[in-house]
């Protein structure tokens, strides 16, 4: 019986994958942390590893590098599971020896077709009937878990609803506090003094507030543009650091949302460094975004690079819009 190791810290997702694989006759071992997974891989020598890229103790790419450096585990195929879909990140996965890449949210059929390229179930004919019966017994539980998981983490398109009352916004208010952490947003008076110092007009021409999104995730940019435009903002999306800087210097936006993982390599940090050097953009609020780092790491990065805050992705467009409105107004 083929052994598969699942390294995934989301309990429902972990359980869902395990149930589906066991229903197909695989033997499944699952853990929630990278270090546990590395040790189990050395001990059990599975035929395949499914590796979530965002883990609480180590990034999936770092765990992959450690597995590939070890003679006992270097030949085990690894399939990456990640919500990050940028070409640069997928290329990095391939360069570190990852055999296949599955973007979340994924179609289970796609996942299992990919798995079957690397491992197949080999068992006597007399076991086929019990395995089929076992699969049927699992199906109801699988559907329940999958439905609950998708409802919480990957909700489909929603009809526009009126803003939730304050009591329903406590979660987002807490998120804003976390996002801002102890960064100091300049007061209006301070901002005006700064603008005079760099010879910018204190008051911008009447019109919608401008938000610049620097992110190579096209789907995210499209979703945020539609949501923010419906609230009256003017939105510009740049897919790389160079065009992002050009837009920033030309438009002088009210807020910049900057993905740290931006092409070219190191693009996000380089972009922020250049924004802070230029008099025209050095005081524009910048919020870092990433799905690769934990909130704690994002907070450290934001402080280190001089950003005003951070956003941990994935985040629903409506929630991010609420944060933006709380920072720069409507």
Protein backbone atom coordinates (compact mmCIF):
# COMPACT_ATOMS: atom_id res chain seq x y z
CA UNK A 1 0.00 0.00 0.00
CA UNK A 2 1.47 3.34 -1.08
CA UNK A 3 2.26 5.73 1.76
CA UNK A 4 1.58 9.45 1.45
CA UNK A 5 2.68 12.09 3.95
CA UNK A 6 0.45 15.17 4.25
CA UNK A 7 2.04 18.26 5.85
CA UNK A 8 -0.82 20.72 6.33
CA UNK A 9 -1.62 22.86 9.38
CA UNK A 10 -5.29 23.54 8.57
CA UNK A 11 -7.12 20.76 10.50
CA UNK A 12 -10.17 20.53 8.23
CA UNK A 13 -8.07 20.53 5.08
CA UNK A 14 -5.76 17.94 6.59
CA UNK A 15 -8.65 15.69 7.54
CA UNK A 16 -10.34 16.13 4.18
CA UNK A 17 -7.26 15.12 2.20
CA UNK A 18 -6.61 12.18 4.52
CA UNK A 19 -10.16 10.84 4.17
CA UNK A 20 -10.16 11.13 0.39
CA UNK A 21 -6.78 9.45 0.03
CA UNK A 22 -7.69 6.63 2.39
CA UNK A 23 -10.91 6.09 0.44
CA UNK A 24 -8.71 5.45 -2.59
CA UNK A 25 -6.63 2.89 -0.75
CA UNK A 26 -3.58 4.92 0.21
CA UNK A 27 -1.98 4.79 3.62
CA UNK A 28 -1.89 8.37 4.91
CA UNK A 29 0.23 10.02 7.58
CA UNK A 30 -0.55 13.64 8.41
CA UNK A 31 1.13 16.32 10.52
CA UNK A 32 0.61 20.04 11.02
CA UNK A 33 4.20 21.30 11.22
CA UNK A 34 7.16 21.20 8.87
CA UNK A 35 9.70 19.86 11.38
CA UNK A 36 7.39 17.00 12.35
CA UNK A 37 6.91 16.22 8.67
CA UNK A 38 10.64 16.17 7.95
CA UNK A 39 11.29 13.74 10.82
CA UNK A 40 8.36 11.51 9.82
CA UNK A 41 9.56 11.48 6.20
CA UNK A 42 12.99 10.24 7.33
CA UNK A 43 11.42 7.53 9.47
CA UNK A 44 8.62 6.28 7.21
CA UNK A 45 10.01 6.99 3.71
CA UNK A 46 6.64 7.75 2.08
CA UNK A 47 6.19 7.43 -1.69
CA UNK A 48 4.87 11.01 -1.89
CA UNK A 49 4.65 14.20 0.21
CA UNK A 50 1.89 16.80 -0.02
CA UNK A 51 3.38 20.03 1.35
CA UNK A 52 1.43 23.12 2.35
CA UNK A 53 3.62 26.17 1.71
CA UNK A 54 2.45 28.23 4.69
CA UNK A 55 3.23 26.33 7.89
CA UNK A 56 3.48 27.66 11.46
CA UNK A 57 7.11 26.72 12.11
CA UNK A 58 8.78 26.88 8.70
CA UNK A 59 8.01 27.87 5.13
CA UNK A 60 7.21 24.97 2.82
CA UNK A 61 10.08 25.86 0.50
CA UNK A 62 12.55 25.74 3.39
CA UNK A 63 11.17 22.35 4.43
CA UNK A 64 11.51 21.14 0.83
CA UNK A 65 15.16 22.24 0.72
CA UNK A 66 15.88 20.29 3.92
CA UNK A 67 14.19 17.18 2.54
CA UNK A 68 16.11 17.43 -0.74
CA UNK A 69 19.42 17.85 1.10
CA UNK A 70 18.89 14.64 3.08
CA UNK A 71 19.97 11.42 1.33
CA UNK A 72 17.09 9.50 2.94
CA UNK A 73 14.36 11.78 1.60
CA UNK A 74 15.78 13.59 -1.46
CA UNK A 75 14.10 11.26 -3.97
CA UNK A 76 10.60 11.51 -2.50
CA UNK A 77 8.35 13.51 -4.89
CA UNK A 78 6.81 16.60 -3.27
CA UNK A 79 3.57 18.25 -4.40
CA UNK A 80 3.20 21.86 -3.22
CA UNK A 81 -0.19 23.12 -2.02
CA UNK A 82 -0.44 26.90 -1.93
CA UNK A 83 -2.77 29.87 -2.39
CA UNK A 84 0.11 31.81 -3.99
CA UNK A 85 -0.09 31.63 -7.77
CA UNK A 86 2.57 34.04 -8.99
CA UNK A 87 4.82 32.72 -11.79
CA UNK A 88 7.94 33.63 -9.80
CA UNK A 89 6.82 31.59 -6.82
CA UNK A 90 5.88 28.57 -8.95
CA UNK A 91 9.28 28.82 -10.65
CA UNK A 92 10.99 28.93 -7.24
CA UNK A 93 9.13 25.77 -6.22
CA UNK A 94 10.31 23.99 -9.34
CA UNK A 95 13.90 25.12 -8.84
CA UNK A 96 13.93 23.67 -5.32
CA UNK A 97 12.85 20.26 -6.59
CA UNK A 98 9.08 20.34 -6.11
CA UNK A 99 7.57 17.88 -8.57
CA UNK A 100 4.14 19.50 -8.99
CA UNK A 101 2.22 22.55 -7.84
CA UNK A 102 -1.47 22.71 -6.89
CA UNK A 103 -3.01 26.14 -6.27
CA UNK A 104 -5.59 26.51 -3.52
CA UNK A 105 -8.54 26.39 -3.69
CA UNK A 106 -8.26 23.32 -5.90
CA UNK A 107 -10.56 20.84 -7.53
CA UNK A 108 -10.08 17.52 -5.64
CA UNK A 109 -10.09 15.70 -8.99
CA UNK A 110 -7.10 17.76 -10.11
CA UNK A 111 -5.25 16.95 -6.89
CA UNK A 112 -5.85 13.21 -7.20
CA UNK A 113 -4.98 13.13 -10.91
CA UNK A 114 -1.66 14.75 -9.97
CA UNK A 115 -1.08 12.33 -7.10
CA UNK A 116 -1.70 9.36 -9.40
CA UNK A 117 1.13 10.51 -11.65
CA UNK A 118 3.54 9.67 -8.83
CA UNK A 119 1.93 6.88 -6.81
CA UNK A 120 -0.59 4.19 -7.62
CA UNK A 121 -2.47 1.82 -5.35
CA UNK A 122 -1.29 -1.75 -5.71
CA UNK A 123 -3.39 -4.27 -3.82
CA UNK A 124 -4.81 -7.78 -4.32
CA UNK A 125 -8.17 -8.14 -6.10
CA UNK A 126 -9.86 -9.47 -2.97
CA UNK A 127 -9.26 -6.11 -1.29
CA UNK A 128 -10.92 -4.13 -4.06
CA UNK A 129 -14.47 -4.71 -2.80
CA UNK A 130 -13.76 -3.71 0.83
CA UNK A 131 -11.92 -0.65 -0.42
CA UNK A 132 -14.92 0.39 -2.55
CA UNK A 133 -17.23 -0.09 0.43
CA UNK A 134 -14.87 1.94 2.58
CA UNK A 135 -14.92 4.72 -0.01
CA UNK A 136 -18.70 4.85 0.10
CA UNK A 137 -18.66 4.99 3.88
CA UNK A 138 -16.26 7.92 3.79
CA UNK A 139 -18.24 9.93 1.24
CA UNK A 140 -20.82 11.50 3.55
CA UNK A 141 -18.16 12.60 6.04
CA UNK A 142 -15.99 13.96 3.23
CA UNK A 143 -18.79 16.06 1.79
CA UNK A 144 -19.62 17.49 5.21
CA UNK A 145 -16.03 18.51 5.95
CA UNK A 146 -15.45 19.87 2.44
CA UNK A 147 -18.63 21.95 2.56
CA UNK A 148 -17.73 23.47 5.94
CA UNK A 149 -14.13 24.12 4.92
CA UNK A 150 -15.00 25.84 1.65
CA UNK A 151 -17.71 27.91 3.31
CA UNK A 152 -15.17 29.26 5.84
CA UNK A 153 -12.09 29.68 3.68
CA UNK A 154 -13.10 29.98 0.04
CA UNK A 155 -16.53 31.61 -0.11
CA UNK A 156 -17.98 32.13 -3.56
CA UNK A 157 -19.17 35.42 -5.03
CA UNK A 158 -21.50 37.26 -2.72
CA UNK A 159 -24.27 39.69 -3.39
CA UNK A 160 -23.40 43.15 -2.23
CA UNK A 161 -24.80 43.68 1.23
CA UNK A 162 -25.21 46.82 3.29
CA UNK A 163 -22.39 47.44 5.72
CA UNK A 164 -22.60 45.27 8.76
CA UNK A 165 -23.45 46.94 12.06
CA UNK A 166 -20.61 47.75 14.41
CA UNK A 167 -21.10 44.67 16.55
CA UNK A 168 -20.67 42.44 13.47
CA UNK A 169 -17.47 44.27 12.59
CA UNK A 170 -15.61 43.41 15.78
CA UNK A 171 -13.57 40.78 13.97
CA UNK A 172 -12.50 43.27 11.32
CA UNK A 173 -11.86 45.99 13.89
CA UNK A 174 -9.53 43.57 15.68
CA UNK A 175 -7.90 42.82 12.36
CA UNK A 176 -7.30 46.51 11.78
CA UNK A 177 -5.64 46.84 15.19
CA UNK A 178 -3.40 43.89 14.37
CA UNK A 179 -2.71 45.24 10.91
CA UNK A 180 -1.69 48.67 12.17
CA UNK A 181 0.12 47.19 15.19
CA UNK A 182 2.14 49.98 16.76
CA UNK A 183 3.01 51.71 13.48
CA UNK A 184 2.53 55.45 13.62
CA UNK A 185 0.28 56.81 10.88
CA UNK A 186 1.02 60.51 10.29
CA UNK A 187 -1.69 62.84 11.52
CA UNK A 188 -3.38 65.20 9.10
CA UNK A 189 -1.42 68.16 10.52
CA UNK A 190 1.87 66.28 10.21
CA UNK A 191 1.03 65.18 6.68
CA UNK A 192 0.34 68.76 5.65
CA UNK A 193 3.66 69.91 7.07
CA UNK A 194 5.44 67.13 5.26
CA UNK A 195 3.74 67.99 1.97
CA UNK A 196 4.78 71.61 2.29
CA UNK A 197 8.32 70.55 3.04
CA UNK A 198 8.56 68.50 -0.16
CA UNK A 199 6.73 71.21 -2.13
CA UNK A 200 3.60 69.20 -2.75
CA UNK A 201 0.22 70.88 -2.63
CA UNK A 202 -1.41 70.43 0.76
CA UNK A 203 -4.81 69.70 -0.71
CA UNK A 204 -5.29 67.37 -3.63
CA UNK A 205 -7.71 68.27 -6.37
CA UNK A 206 -11.26 67.21 -5.61
CA UNK A 207 -11.93 63.70 -6.77
CA UNK A 208 -11.86 60.09 -5.68
CA UNK A 209 -9.11 58.83 -3.44
CA UNK A 210 -6.47 56.89 -5.34
CA UNK A 211 -5.24 53.43 -4.35
CA UNK A 212 -2.31 51.76 -6.06
CA UNK A 213 -2.12 47.97 -5.84
CA UNK A 214 1.26 46.43 -6.69
CA UNK A 215 0.61 42.70 -6.99
CA UNK A 216 1.23 40.15 -9.73
CA UNK A 217 -1.78 38.11 -8.62
CA UNK A 218 -4.14 39.11 -11.44
CA UNK A 219 -7.21 37.55 -9.83
CA UNK A 220 -6.63 39.46 -6.58
CA UNK A 221 -6.10 42.73 -8.45
CA UNK A 222 -9.25 42.25 -10.48
CA UNK A 223 -11.36 41.41 -7.41
CA UNK A 224 -10.05 44.38 -5.43
CA UNK A 225 -10.46 46.79 -8.34
CA UNK A 226 -14.11 45.86 -8.74
CA UNK A 227 -14.81 46.10 -5.01
CA UNK A 228 -12.96 49.38 -4.42
CA UNK A 229 -14.29 51.03 -7.59
CA UNK A 230 -17.83 50.26 -6.42
CA UNK A 231 -17.01 52.27 -3.26
CA UNK A 232 -15.85 55.28 -5.26
CA UNK A 233 -12.08 54.78 -5.17
CA UNK A 234 -9.82 55.17 -8.19
CA UNK A 235 -7.73 52.02 -8.43
CA UNK A 236 -4.56 51.32 -10.38
CA UNK A 237 -2.96 47.86 -10.51
CA UNK A 238 0.72 47.26 -11.34
CA UNK A 239 1.94 43.71 -11.92
CA UNK A 240 5.64 44.41 -11.35
CA UNK A 241 7.86 46.74 -9.36
CA UNK A 242 9.01 48.96 -12.24
CA UNK A 243 5.53 49.84 -13.50
CA UNK A 244 4.41 50.17 -9.87
CA UNK A 245 7.01 52.86 -9.20
CA UNK A 246 6.06 54.68 -12.40
CA UNK A 247 2.40 54.75 -11.34
CA UNK A 248 3.35 55.88 -7.82
CA UNK A 249 5.41 58.83 -9.07
CA UNK A 250 2.75 59.86 -11.61
CA UNK A 251 -0.42 59.43 -9.56
CA UNK A 252 0.86 60.05 -6.00
CA UNK A 253 -1.84 57.75 -4.58
CA UNK A 254 -3.43 58.09 -1.15
CA UNK A 255 -2.48 54.51 -0.27
CA UNK A 256 -0.25 51.80 -1.74
CA UNK A 257 -0.88 48.08 -1.21
CA UNK A 258 2.42 46.34 -1.95
CA UNK A 259 2.96 42.60 -2.30
CA UNK A 260 6.37 41.67 -0.88
CA UNK A 261 6.73 38.82 -3.39
CA UNK A 262 6.75 40.95 -6.52
CA UNK A 263 8.74 40.41 -9.73
CA UNK A 264 11.57 40.86 -10.29
CA UNK A 265 13.03 38.87 -7.36
CA UNK A 266 13.10 41.01 -4.23
CA UNK A 267 10.84 43.45 -6.02
CA UNK A 268 8.63 44.36 -3.08
CA UNK A 269 11.48 45.41 -0.80
CA UNK A 270 13.24 47.29 -3.61
CA UNK A 271 10.03 49.12 -4.51
CA UNK A 272 9.49 50.26 -0.92
CA UNK A 273 13.10 51.40 -0.61
CA UNK A 274 12.69 53.53 -3.75
CA UNK A 275 9.36 54.94 -2.58
CA UNK A 276 10.96 56.07 0.67
CA UNK A 277 13.89 57.71 -1.13
CA UNK A 278 11.81 59.84 -3.48
CA UNK A 279 10.39 63.13 -2.07
CA UNK A 280 7.21 62.67 -4.11
CA UNK A 281 6.34 59.33 -2.52
CA UNK A 282 8.29 59.01 0.72
CA UNK A 283 5.30 59.82 2.95
CA UNK A 284 2.58 57.91 1.12
CA UNK A 285 1.18 55.20 3.44
CA UNK A 286 2.28 51.75 2.27
CA UNK A 287 0.78 48.49 3.49
CA UNK A 288 2.72 45.29 2.82
CA UNK A 289 0.85 42.18 1.71
CA UNK A 290 1.89 38.55 1.55
CA UNK A 291 0.57 35.04 1.99
CA UNK A 292 4.06 33.63 2.51
CA UNK A 293 4.75 35.01 5.98
CA UNK A 294 3.06 34.73 9.35
CA UNK A 295 1.46 37.91 10.80
CA UNK A 296 4.37 38.18 13.24
CA UNK A 297 6.91 38.01 10.42
CA UNK A 298 4.89 40.51 8.38
CA UNK A 299 4.86 42.90 11.32
CA UNK A 300 8.64 42.61 11.65
CA UNK A 301 9.08 43.16 7.90
CA UNK A 302 6.80 46.19 7.88
CA UNK A 303 8.72 47.83 10.73
CA UNK A 304 12.07 46.95 9.21
CA UNK A 305 11.19 48.36 5.78
CA UNK A 306 9.31 51.45 6.97
CA UNK A 307 5.78 50.48 5.96
CA UNK A 308 2.73 51.78 7.83
CA UNK A 309 1.14 48.36 8.25
CA UNK A 310 0.64 44.91 6.80
CA UNK A 311 -2.07 42.64 5.40
CA UNK A 312 -1.85 38.86 5.71
CA UNK A 313 -3.34 37.22 2.62
CA UNK A 314 -5.67 35.65 1.73
CA UNK A 315 -8.22 38.24 2.78
CA UNK A 316 -11.72 38.83 1.48
CA UNK A 317 -12.09 41.98 -0.65
CA UNK A 318 -14.90 43.28 1.58
CA UNK A 319 -12.73 42.94 4.70
CA UNK A 320 -9.75 44.63 3.06
CA UNK A 321 -12.04 47.43 1.83
CA UNK A 322 -13.25 48.00 5.38
CA UNK A 323 -9.64 48.28 6.55
CA UNK A 324 -8.86 50.78 3.78
CA UNK A 325 -11.90 52.89 4.63
CA UNK A 326 -10.84 52.92 8.28
CA UNK A 327 -7.39 54.22 7.33
CA UNK A 328 -7.93 56.77 4.53
CA UNK A 329 -11.70 57.24 4.57
CA UNK A 330 -14.13 56.82 1.71
